[in-house]
Full PDB file with SEQRES, HELIX, SHEET, SSBOND, CRYST1, ORIGX, SCALE, CONECT and MASTER records, all heavy atoms in Angstrom:
SEQRES   1 A   35  PHE SER LEU ILE ASP GLY LEU THR LEU HIS PHE MET ILE          
SEQRES   2 A   35  ASN HIS SER ASN THR PRO GLU GLU ARG ALA LYS ARG SER          
SEQRES   3 A   35  THR PRO SER ARG LEU ALA ALA PHE ILE                          
HELIX    1 AA1 SER A    2  ILE A   13  1                                  12    
HELIX    2 AA2 PRO A   19  ALA A   23  1                                   5    
HELIX    3 AA3 PRO A   28  PHE A   34  1                                   7    
CRYST1    1.000    1.000    1.000  90.00  90.00  90.00 P 1           1          
ORIGX1      1.000000  0.000000  0.000000        0.00000                         
ORIGX2      0.000000  1.000000  0.000000        0.00000                         
ORIGX3      0.000000  0.000000  1.000000        0.00000                         
SCALE1      1.000000  0.000000  0.000000        0.00000                         
SCALE2      0.000000  1.000000  0.000000        0.00000                         
SCALE3      0.000000  0.000000  1.000000        0.00000                         
ATOM      1  N   PHE A   1      15.031  -5.530   0.715  1.00  0.00           N  
ATOM      2  CA  PHE A   1      15.384  -4.138   0.438  1.00  0.00           C  
ATOM      3  C   PHE A   1      14.533  -3.604  -0.696  1.00  0.00           C  
ATOM      4  O   PHE A   1      13.942  -2.510  -0.641  1.00  0.00           O  
ATOM      5  CB  PHE A   1      16.855  -4.004   0.049  1.00  0.00           C  
ATOM      6  CG  PHE A   1      17.816  -3.809   1.163  1.00  0.00           C  
ATOM      7  CD1 PHE A   1      18.436  -4.915   1.700  1.00  0.00           C  
ATOM      8  CD2 PHE A   1      18.153  -2.576   1.631  1.00  0.00           C  
ATOM      9  CE1 PHE A   1      19.349  -4.739   2.800  1.00  0.00           C  
ATOM     10  CE2 PHE A   1      18.991  -2.384   2.593  1.00  0.00           C  
ATOM     11  CZ  PHE A   1      19.594  -3.458   3.242  1.00  0.00           C  
ATOM     12  N   SER A   2      14.508  -4.372  -1.827  1.00  0.00           N  
ATOM     13  CA  SER A   2      13.856  -3.963  -3.042  1.00  0.00           C  
ATOM     14  C   SER A   2      12.309  -3.754  -2.853  1.00  0.00           C  
ATOM     15  O   SER A   2      11.687  -2.875  -3.334  1.00  0.00           O  
ATOM     16  CB  SER A   2      14.062  -4.863  -4.177  1.00  0.00           C  
ATOM     17  OG  SER A   2      15.502  -4.839  -4.461  1.00  0.00           O  
ATOM     18  N   LEU A   3      11.748  -4.731  -2.097  1.00  0.00           N  
ATOM     19  CA  LEU A   3      10.314  -4.672  -1.893  1.00  0.00           C  
ATOM     20  C   LEU A   3       9.868  -3.469  -1.030  1.00  0.00           C  
ATOM     21  O   LEU A   3       8.888  -2.796  -1.318  1.00  0.00           O  
ATOM     22  CB  LEU A   3       9.886  -5.998  -1.194  1.00  0.00           C  
ATOM     23  CG  LEU A   3       9.727  -7.159  -2.114  1.00  0.00           C  
ATOM     24  CD1 LEU A   3       9.646  -8.499  -1.378  1.00  0.00           C  
ATOM     25  CD2 LEU A   3       8.497  -6.977  -3.002  1.00  0.00           C  
ATOM     26  N   ILE A   4      10.650  -3.260   0.025  1.00  0.00           N  
ATOM     27  CA  ILE A   4      10.325  -2.051   0.885  1.00  0.00           C  
ATOM     28  C   ILE A   4      10.354  -0.764   0.074  1.00  0.00           C  
ATOM     29  O   ILE A   4       9.464   0.084   0.160  1.00  0.00           O  
ATOM     30  CB  ILE A   4      11.202  -2.024   2.079  1.00  0.00           C  
ATOM     31  CG1 ILE A   4      10.892  -3.175   3.046  1.00  0.00           C  
ATOM     32  CG2 ILE A   4      11.033  -0.651   2.858  1.00  0.00           C  
ATOM     33  CD1 ILE A   4      11.805  -3.298   4.153  1.00  0.00           C  
ATOM     34  N   ASP A   5      11.387  -0.572  -0.723  1.00  0.00           N  
ATOM     35  CA  ASP A   5      11.507   0.645  -1.598  1.00  0.00           C  
ATOM     36  C   ASP A   5      10.436   0.691  -2.612  1.00  0.00           C  
ATOM     37  O   ASP A   5       9.818   1.750  -2.942  1.00  0.00           O  
ATOM     38  CB  ASP A   5      12.940   0.730  -2.263  1.00  0.00           C  
ATOM     39  CG  ASP A   5      13.952   1.220  -1.250  1.00  0.00           C  
ATOM     40  OD1 ASP A   5      13.627   1.813  -0.221  1.00  0.00           O  
ATOM     41  OD2 ASP A   5      15.178   1.063  -1.546  1.00  0.00           O  
ATOM     42  N   GLY A   6      10.126  -0.491  -3.197  1.00  0.00           N  
ATOM     43  CA  GLY A   6       9.067  -0.558  -4.283  1.00  0.00           C  
ATOM     44  C   GLY A   6       7.677  -0.197  -3.630  1.00  0.00           C  
ATOM     45  O   GLY A   6       6.911   0.546  -4.234  1.00  0.00           O  
ATOM     46  N   LEU A   7       7.434  -0.678  -2.440  1.00  0.00           N  
ATOM     47  CA  LEU A   7       6.107  -0.419  -1.832  1.00  0.00           C  
ATOM     48  C   LEU A   7       6.083   0.993  -1.331  1.00  0.00           C  
ATOM     49  O   LEU A   7       4.929   1.515  -1.218  1.00  0.00           O  
ATOM     50  CB  LEU A   7       5.832  -1.506  -0.716  1.00  0.00           C  
ATOM     51  CG  LEU A   7       5.387  -2.826  -1.322  1.00  0.00           C  
ATOM     52  CD1 LEU A   7       5.350  -3.935  -0.291  1.00  0.00           C  
ATOM     53  CD2 LEU A   7       4.044  -2.788  -2.060  1.00  0.00           C  
ATOM     54  N   THR A   8       7.139   1.556  -0.933  1.00  0.00           N  
ATOM     55  CA  THR A   8       7.108   2.992  -0.590  1.00  0.00           C  
ATOM     56  C   THR A   8       6.645   3.851  -1.778  1.00  0.00           C  
ATOM     57  O   THR A   8       5.840   4.703  -1.612  1.00  0.00           O  
ATOM     58  CB  THR A   8       8.560   3.428  -0.096  1.00  0.00           C  
ATOM     59  OG1 THR A   8       8.922   2.718   0.984  1.00  0.00           O  
ATOM     60  CG2 THR A   8       8.517   4.934   0.231  1.00  0.00           C  
ATOM     61  N   LEU A   9       7.159   3.536  -2.921  1.00  0.00           N  
ATOM     62  CA  LEU A   9       6.824   4.192  -4.134  1.00  0.00           C  
ATOM     63  C   LEU A   9       5.357   3.871  -4.456  1.00  0.00           C  
ATOM     64  O   LEU A   9       4.654   4.826  -4.850  1.00  0.00           O  
ATOM     65  CB  LEU A   9       7.672   3.713  -5.311  1.00  0.00           C  
ATOM     66  CG  LEU A   9       7.451   4.432  -6.680  1.00  0.00           C  
ATOM     67  CD1 LEU A   9       7.682   5.960  -6.500  1.00  0.00           C  
ATOM     68  CD2 LEU A   9       8.383   3.804  -7.750  1.00  0.00           C  
ATOM     69  N   HIS A  10       4.911   2.657  -4.158  1.00  0.00           N  
ATOM     70  CA  HIS A  10       3.490   2.365  -4.375  1.00  0.00           C  
ATOM     71  C   HIS A  10       2.602   3.238  -3.571  1.00  0.00           C  
ATOM     72  O   HIS A  10       1.570   3.798  -4.089  1.00  0.00           O  
ATOM     73  CB  HIS A  10       3.238   0.874  -4.024  1.00  0.00           C  
ATOM     74  CG  HIS A  10       1.854   0.541  -3.841  1.00  0.00           C  
ATOM     75  ND1 HIS A  10       0.968   0.306  -4.918  1.00  0.00           N  
ATOM     76  CD2 HIS A  10       1.110   0.295  -2.706  1.00  0.00           C  
ATOM     77  CE1 HIS A  10      -0.273  -0.028  -4.457  1.00  0.00           C  
ATOM     78  NE2 HIS A  10      -0.224  -0.078  -3.118  1.00  0.00           N  
ATOM     79  N   PHE A  11       2.897   3.427  -2.286  1.00  0.00           N  
ATOM     80  CA  PHE A  11       2.034   4.352  -1.449  1.00  0.00           C  
ATOM     81  C   PHE A  11       2.238   5.691  -1.780  1.00  0.00           C  
ATOM     82  O   PHE A  11       1.271   6.587  -1.560  1.00  0.00           O  
ATOM     83  CB  PHE A  11       2.392   4.089   0.024  1.00  0.00           C  
ATOM     84  CG  PHE A  11       1.962   2.683   0.604  1.00  0.00           C  
ATOM     85  CD1 PHE A  11       2.775   1.663   0.941  1.00  0.00           C  
ATOM     86  CD2 PHE A  11       0.566   2.483   0.580  1.00  0.00           C  
ATOM     87  CE1 PHE A  11       2.272   0.525   1.402  1.00  0.00           C  
ATOM     88  CE2 PHE A  11       0.073   1.247   1.156  1.00  0.00           C  
ATOM     89  CZ  PHE A  11       0.915   0.240   1.491  1.00  0.00           C  
ATOM     90  N   MET A  12       3.376   6.178  -2.312  1.00  0.00           N  
ATOM     91  CA  MET A  12       3.538   7.542  -2.727  1.00  0.00           C  
ATOM     92  C   MET A  12       2.527   7.850  -3.859  1.00  0.00           C  
ATOM     93  O   MET A  12       1.870   8.882  -3.891  1.00  0.00           O  
ATOM     94  CB  MET A  12       4.950   7.763  -3.266  1.00  0.00           C  
ATOM     95  CG  MET A  12       5.977   7.938  -2.232  1.00  0.00           C  
ATOM     96  SD  MET A  12       7.668   8.230  -3.000  1.00  0.00           S  
ATOM     97  CE  MET A  12       7.463   9.830  -3.759  1.00  0.00           C  
ATOM     98  N   ILE A  13       2.457   6.951  -4.851  1.00  0.00           N  
ATOM     99  CA  ILE A  13       1.583   7.143  -6.032  1.00  0.00           C  
ATOM    100  C   ILE A  13       0.106   6.741  -5.770  1.00  0.00           C  
ATOM    101  O   ILE A  13      -0.761   7.445  -6.336  1.00  0.00           O  
ATOM    102  CB  ILE A  13       2.147   6.309  -7.241  1.00  0.00           C  
ATOM    103  CG1 ILE A  13       3.625   6.859  -7.514  1.00  0.00           C  
ATOM    104  CG2 ILE A  13       1.293   6.449  -8.389  1.00  0.00           C  
ATOM    105  CD1 ILE A  13       4.331   5.975  -8.567  1.00  0.00           C  
ATOM    106  N   ASN A  14      -0.150   5.850  -4.999  1.00  0.00           N  
ATOM    107  CA  ASN A  14      -1.492   5.228  -4.841  1.00  0.00           C  
ATOM    108  C   ASN A  14      -2.136   5.563  -3.541  1.00  0.00           C  
ATOM    109  O   ASN A  14      -2.901   4.727  -2.990  1.00  0.00           O  
ATOM    110  CB  ASN A  14      -1.453   3.777  -5.097  1.00  0.00           C  
ATOM    111  CG  ASN A  14      -1.069   3.384  -6.497  1.00  0.00           C  
ATOM    112  OD1 ASN A  14      -1.780   3.679  -7.449  1.00  0.00           O  
ATOM    113  ND2 ASN A  14       0.063   2.761  -6.662  1.00  0.00           N  
ATOM    114  N   HIS A  15      -1.939   6.751  -3.003  1.00  0.00           N  
ATOM    115  CA  HIS A  15      -2.608   7.159  -1.771  1.00  0.00           C  
ATOM    116  C   HIS A  15      -3.948   7.821  -2.067  1.00  0.00           C  
ATOM    117  O   HIS A  15      -4.131   8.322  -3.182  1.00  0.00           O  
ATOM    118  CB  HIS A  15      -1.736   8.057  -0.953  1.00  0.00           C  
ATOM    119  CG  HIS A  15      -1.501   9.393  -1.595  1.00  0.00           C  
ATOM    120  ND1 HIS A  15      -0.317   9.541  -2.458  1.00  0.00           N  
ATOM    121  CD2 HIS A  15      -2.119  10.521  -1.557  1.00  0.00           C  
ATOM    122  CE1 HIS A  15      -0.313  10.786  -2.869  1.00  0.00           C  
ATOM    123  NE2 HIS A  15      -1.448  11.364  -2.380  1.00  0.00           N  
ATOM    124  N   SER A  16      -4.825   7.888  -1.114  1.00  0.00           N  
ATOM    125  CA  SER A  16      -6.082   8.573  -1.269  1.00  0.00           C  
ATOM    126  C   SER A  16      -6.682   8.888   0.137  1.00  0.00           C  
ATOM    127  O   SER A  16      -6.446   8.169   1.023  1.00  0.00           O  
ATOM    128  CB  SER A  16      -7.089   7.615  -2.023  1.00  0.00           C  
ATOM    129  OG  SER A  16      -8.370   8.297  -2.022  1.00  0.00           O  
ATOM    130  N   ASN A  17      -7.359  10.029   0.040  1.00  0.00           N  
ATOM    131  CA  ASN A  17      -7.979  10.435   1.368  1.00  0.00           C  
ATOM    132  C   ASN A  17      -9.359   9.894   1.494  1.00  0.00           C  
ATOM    133  O   ASN A  17     -10.057  10.093   2.531  1.00  0.00           O  
ATOM    134  CB  ASN A  17      -7.989  12.007   1.448  1.00  0.00           C  
ATOM    135  CG  ASN A  17      -6.705  12.578   1.882  1.00  0.00           C  
ATOM    136  OD1 ASN A  17      -6.085  12.108   2.829  1.00  0.00           O  
ATOM    137  ND2 ASN A  17      -6.235  13.585   1.075  1.00  0.00           N  
ATOM    138  N   THR A  18      -9.965   9.259   0.474  1.00  0.00           N  
ATOM    139  CA  THR A  18     -11.356   8.824   0.532  1.00  0.00           C  
ATOM    140  C   THR A  18     -11.405   7.429   1.031  1.00  0.00           C  
ATOM    141  O   THR A  18     -10.633   6.506   0.542  1.00  0.00           O  
ATOM    142  CB  THR A  18     -12.044   8.917  -0.830  1.00  0.00           C  
ATOM    143  OG1 THR A  18     -11.364   8.009  -1.760  1.00  0.00           O  
ATOM    144  CG2 THR A  18     -11.900  10.330  -1.391  1.00  0.00           C  
ATOM    145  N   PRO A  19     -12.292   7.105   1.933  1.00  0.00           N  
ATOM    146  CA  PRO A  19     -12.394   5.740   2.507  1.00  0.00           C  
ATOM    147  C   PRO A  19     -12.725   4.733   1.428  1.00  0.00           C  
ATOM    148  O   PRO A  19     -12.357   3.537   1.446  1.00  0.00           O  
ATOM    149  CB  PRO A  19     -13.614   5.797   3.516  1.00  0.00           C  
ATOM    150  CG  PRO A  19     -13.636   7.266   3.868  1.00  0.00           C  
ATOM    151  CD  PRO A  19     -13.177   8.112   2.666  1.00  0.00           C  
ATOM    152  N   GLU A  20     -13.539   5.126   0.395  1.00  0.00           N  
ATOM    153  CA  GLU A  20     -13.872   4.296  -0.717  1.00  0.00           C  
ATOM    154  C   GLU A  20     -12.690   3.730  -1.516  1.00  0.00           C  
ATOM    155  O   GLU A  20     -12.540   2.555  -1.792  1.00  0.00           O  
ATOM    156  CB  GLU A  20     -14.859   4.934  -1.627  1.00  0.00           C  
ATOM    157  CG  GLU A  20     -16.195   5.275  -1.019  1.00  0.00           C  
ATOM    158  CD  GLU A  20     -16.199   6.482  -0.176  1.00  0.00           C  
ATOM    159  OE1 GLU A  20     -15.184   7.265  -0.196  1.00  0.00           O  
ATOM    160  OE2 GLU A  20     -17.162   6.754   0.526  1.00  0.00           O  
ATOM    161  N   GLU A  21     -11.795   4.712  -1.780  1.00  0.00           N  
ATOM    162  CA  GLU A  21     -10.572   4.307  -2.582  1.00  0.00           C  
ATOM    163  C   GLU A  21      -9.677   3.480  -1.733  1.00  0.00           C  
ATOM    164  O   GLU A  21      -9.085   2.523  -2.144  1.00  0.00           O  
ATOM    165  CB  GLU A  21      -9.814   5.610  -3.038  1.00  0.00           C  
ATOM    166  CG  GLU A  21     -10.508   6.350  -4.160  1.00  0.00           C  
ATOM    167  CD  GLU A  21     -10.600   5.468  -5.406  1.00  0.00           C  
ATOM    168  OE1 GLU A  21      -9.559   4.778  -5.737  1.00  0.00           O  
ATOM    169  OE2 GLU A  21     -11.706   5.345  -6.046  1.00  0.00           O  
ATOM    170  N   ARG A  22      -9.504   3.864  -0.416  1.00  0.00           N  
ATOM    171  CA  ARG A  22      -8.631   3.070   0.476  1.00  0.00           C  
ATOM    172  C   ARG A  22      -9.096   1.630   0.657  1.00  0.00           C  
ATOM    173  O   ARG A  22      -8.394   0.685   0.764  1.00  0.00           O  
ATOM    174  CB  ARG A  22      -8.480   3.783   1.863  1.00  0.00           C  
ATOM    175  CG  ARG A  22      -7.614   4.980   1.745  1.00  0.00           C  
ATOM    176  CD  ARG A  22      -7.143   5.355   3.127  1.00  0.00           C  
ATOM    177  NE  ARG A  22      -8.253   5.639   4.087  1.00  0.00           N  
ATOM    178  CZ  ARG A  22      -8.767   6.914   4.232  1.00  0.00           C  
ATOM    179  NH1 ARG A  22      -8.334   7.913   3.551  1.00  0.00           N  
ATOM    180  NH2 ARG A  22      -9.773   7.109   5.104  1.00  0.00           N  
ATOM    181  N   ALA A  23     -10.491   1.471   0.659  1.00  0.00           N  
ATOM    182  CA  ALA A  23     -11.070   0.148   0.901  1.00  0.00           C  
ATOM    183  C   ALA A  23     -10.772  -0.756  -0.302  1.00  0.00           C  
ATOM    184  O   ALA A  23     -10.821  -1.992  -0.143  1.00  0.00           O  
ATOM    185  CB  ALA A  23     -12.603   0.293   1.045  1.00  0.00           C  
ATOM    186  N   LYS A  24     -10.514  -0.239  -1.538  1.00  0.00           N  
ATOM    187  CA  LYS A  24     -10.256  -1.031  -2.728  1.00  0.00           C  
ATOM    188  C   LYS A  24      -8.783  -1.531  -2.714  1.00  0.00           C  
ATOM    189  O   LYS A  24      -8.513  -2.495  -3.467  1.00  0.00           O  
ATOM    190  CB  LYS A  24     -10.502  -0.150  -3.919  1.00  0.00           C  
ATOM    191  CG  LYS A  24     -11.936   0.211  -4.225  1.00  0.00           C  
ATOM    192  CD  LYS A  24     -11.999   1.160  -5.375  1.00  0.00           C  
ATOM    193  CE  LYS A  24     -13.410   1.623  -5.630  1.00  0.00           C  
ATOM    194  NZ  LYS A  24     -13.507   2.564  -6.800  1.00  0.00           N  
ATOM    195  N   ARG A  25      -7.980  -1.018  -1.835  1.00  0.00           N  
ATOM    196  CA  ARG A  25      -6.568  -1.420  -1.876  1.00  0.00           C  
ATOM    197  C   ARG A  25      -6.274  -2.366  -0.758  1.00  0.00           C  
ATOM    198  O   ARG A  25      -6.951  -2.377   0.278  1.00  0.00           O  
ATOM    199  CB  ARG A  25      -5.668  -0.187  -1.760  1.00  0.00           C  
ATOM    200  CG  ARG A  25      -5.914   0.810  -2.994  1.00  0.00           C  
ATOM    201  CD  ARG A  25      -4.778   1.783  -3.112  1.00  0.00           C  
ATOM    202  NE  ARG A  25      -5.035   2.641  -4.296  1.00  0.00           N  
ATOM    203  CZ  ARG A  25      -5.534   3.842  -4.132  1.00  0.00           C  
ATOM    204  NH1 ARG A  25      -5.871   4.356  -2.999  1.00  0.00           N  
ATOM    205  NH2 ARG A  25      -5.803   4.540  -5.245  1.00  0.00           N  
ATOM    206  N   SER A  26      -5.123  -3.057  -0.829  1.00  0.00           N  
ATOM    207  CA  SER A  26      -4.735  -3.930   0.196  1.00  0.00           C  
ATOM    208  C   SER A  26      -4.299  -3.080   1.424  1.00  0.00           C  
ATOM    209  O   SER A  26      -3.648  -2.016   1.290  1.00  0.00           O  
ATOM    210  CB  SER A  26      -3.525  -4.744  -0.284  1.00  0.00           C  
ATOM    211  OG  SER A  26      -3.918  -5.545  -1.422  1.00  0.00           O  
ATOM    212  N   THR A  27      -4.518  -3.616   2.567  1.00  0.00           N  
ATOM    213  CA  THR A  27      -4.139  -2.922   3.795  1.00  0.00           C  
ATOM    214  C   THR A  27      -2.670  -3.208   4.027  1.00  0.00           C  
ATOM    215  O   THR A  27      -2.100  -4.176   3.656  1.00  0.00           O  
ATOM    216  CB  THR A  27      -4.942  -3.479   4.974  1.00  0.00           C  
ATOM    217  OG1 THR A  27      -4.588  -4.844   5.232  1.00  0.00           O  
ATOM    218  CG2 THR A  27      -6.476  -3.309   4.728  1.00  0.00           C  
ATOM    219  N   PRO A  28      -2.018  -2.249   4.764  1.00  0.00           N  
ATOM    220  CA  PRO A  28      -0.607  -2.468   5.117  1.00  0.00           C  
ATOM    221  C   PRO A  28      -0.324  -3.762   5.856  1.00  0.00           C  
ATOM    222  O   PRO A  28       0.656  -4.388   5.620  1.00  0.00           O  
ATOM    223  CB  PRO A  28      -0.270  -1.232   5.967  1.00  0.00           C  
ATOM    224  CG  PRO A  28      -1.156  -0.152   5.494  1.00  0.00           C  
ATOM    225  CD  PRO A  28      -2.474  -0.915   5.131  1.00  0.00           C  
ATOM    226  N   SER A  29      -1.281  -4.159   6.752  1.00  0.00           N  
ATOM    227  CA  SER A  29      -0.984  -5.351   7.501  1.00  0.00           C  
ATOM    228  C   SER A  29      -1.081  -6.610   6.563  1.00  0.00           C  
ATOM    229  O   SER A  29      -0.351  -7.571   6.707  1.00  0.00           O  
ATOM    230  CB  SER A  29      -2.026  -5.513   8.654  1.00  0.00           C  
ATOM    231  OG  SER A  29      -3.379  -5.506   8.121  1.00  0.00           O  
ATOM    232  N   ARG A  30      -1.968  -6.577   5.582  1.00  0.00           N  
ATOM    233  CA  ARG A  30      -2.133  -7.726   4.632  1.00  0.00           C  
ATOM    234  C   ARG A  30      -0.842  -7.778   3.804  1.00  0.00           C  
ATOM    235  O   ARG A  30      -0.259  -8.902   3.515  1.00  0.00           O  
ATOM    236  CB  ARG A  30      -3.335  -7.505   3.780  1.00  0.00           C  
ATOM    237  CG  ARG A  30      -3.686  -8.831   3.043  1.00  0.00           C  
ATOM    238  CD  ARG A  30      -5.072  -8.624   2.394  1.00  0.00           C  
ATOM    239  NE  ARG A  30      -5.300  -9.750   1.482  1.00  0.00           N  
ATOM    240  CZ  ARG A  30      -5.891  -9.644   0.312  1.00  0.00           C  
ATOM    241  NH1 ARG A  30      -6.349  -8.473  -0.138  1.00  0.00           N  
ATOM    242  NH2 ARG A  30      -6.070 -10.661  -0.451  1.00  0.00           N  
ATOM    243  N   LEU A  31      -0.338  -6.671   3.315  1.00  0.00           N  
ATOM    244  CA  LEU A  31       0.870  -6.682   2.602  1.00  0.00           C  
ATOM    245  C   LEU A  31       2.050  -7.205   3.452  1.00  0.00           C  
ATOM    246  O   LEU A  31       2.920  -7.977   2.977  1.00  0.00           O  
ATOM    247  CB  LEU A  31       1.170  -5.198   2.120  1.00  0.00           C  
ATOM    248  CG  LEU A  31       0.414  -4.725   0.872  1.00  0.00           C  
ATOM    249  CD1 LEU A  31       0.607  -3.291   0.665  1.00  0.00           C  
ATOM    250  CD2 LEU A  31       0.758  -5.487  -0.409  1.00  0.00           C  
ATOM    251  N   ALA A  32       2.152  -6.680   4.690  1.00  0.00           N  
ATOM    252  CA  ALA A  32       3.237  -7.155   5.580  1.00  0.00           C  
ATOM    253  C   ALA A  32       3.167  -8.652   5.823  1.00  0.00           C  
ATOM    254  O   ALA A  32       4.249  -9.334   5.738  1.00  0.00           O  
ATOM    255  CB  ALA A  32       3.137  -6.385   6.890  1.00  0.00           C  
ATOM    256  N   ALA A  33       1.945  -9.211   5.941  1.00  0.00           N  
ATOM    257  CA  ALA A  33       1.865 -10.596   6.144  1.00  0.00           C  
ATOM    258  C   ALA A  33       2.354 -11.444   4.918  1.00  0.00           C  
ATOM    259  O   ALA A  33       2.940 -12.472   5.035  1.00  0.00           O  
ATOM    260  CB  ALA A  33       0.355 -10.953   6.466  1.00  0.00           C  
ATOM    261  N   PHE A  34       1.949 -10.859   3.695  1.00  0.00           N  
ATOM    262  CA  PHE A  34       2.395 -11.598   2.496  1.00  0.00           C  
ATOM    263  C   PHE A  34       3.879 -11.588   2.332  1.00  0.00           C  
ATOM    264  O   PHE A  34       4.493 -12.550   1.983  1.00  0.00           O  
ATOM    265  CB  PHE A  34       1.803 -10.844   1.241  1.00  0.00           C  
ATOM    266  CG  PHE A  34       0.658 -11.619   0.626  1.00  0.00           C  
ATOM    267  CD1 PHE A  34      -0.520 -11.818   1.312  1.00  0.00           C  
ATOM    268  CD2 PHE A  34       0.808 -12.238  -0.548  1.00  0.00           C  
ATOM    269  CE1 PHE A  34      -1.606 -12.483   0.794  1.00  0.00           C  
ATOM    270  CE2 PHE A  34      -0.274 -12.974  -1.133  1.00  0.00           C  
ATOM    271  CZ  PHE A  34      -1.463 -13.096  -0.502  1.00  0.00           C  
ATOM    272  N   ILE A  35       4.525 -10.436   2.713  1.00  0.00           N  
ATOM    273  CA  ILE A  35       5.972 -10.331   2.571  1.00  0.00           C  
ATOM    274  C   ILE A  35       6.602 -11.317   3.616  1.00  0.00           C  
ATOM    275  O   ILE A  35       7.559 -12.052   3.244  1.00  0.00           O  
ATOM    276  CB  ILE A  35       6.506  -8.892   2.904  1.00  0.00           C  
ATOM    277  CG1 ILE A  35       6.009  -8.038   1.698  1.00  0.00           C  
ATOM    278  CG2 ILE A  35       8.003  -8.929   3.050  1.00  0.00           C  
ATOM    279  CD1 ILE A  35       6.400  -6.613   1.939  1.00  0.00           C  
TER     280      ILE A  35                                                      
MASTER        0    0    0    3    0    0    0    6  279    1    0    3          
END                                                                             
């Protein structure tokens, strides 16, 4: 519960429309695998 809400806030604050910025961040699938 806590992780899903926390990562929702993470994507709210750390989104970007530029491919360069998105490439620096972990992908949703990688985060999902870690969880």
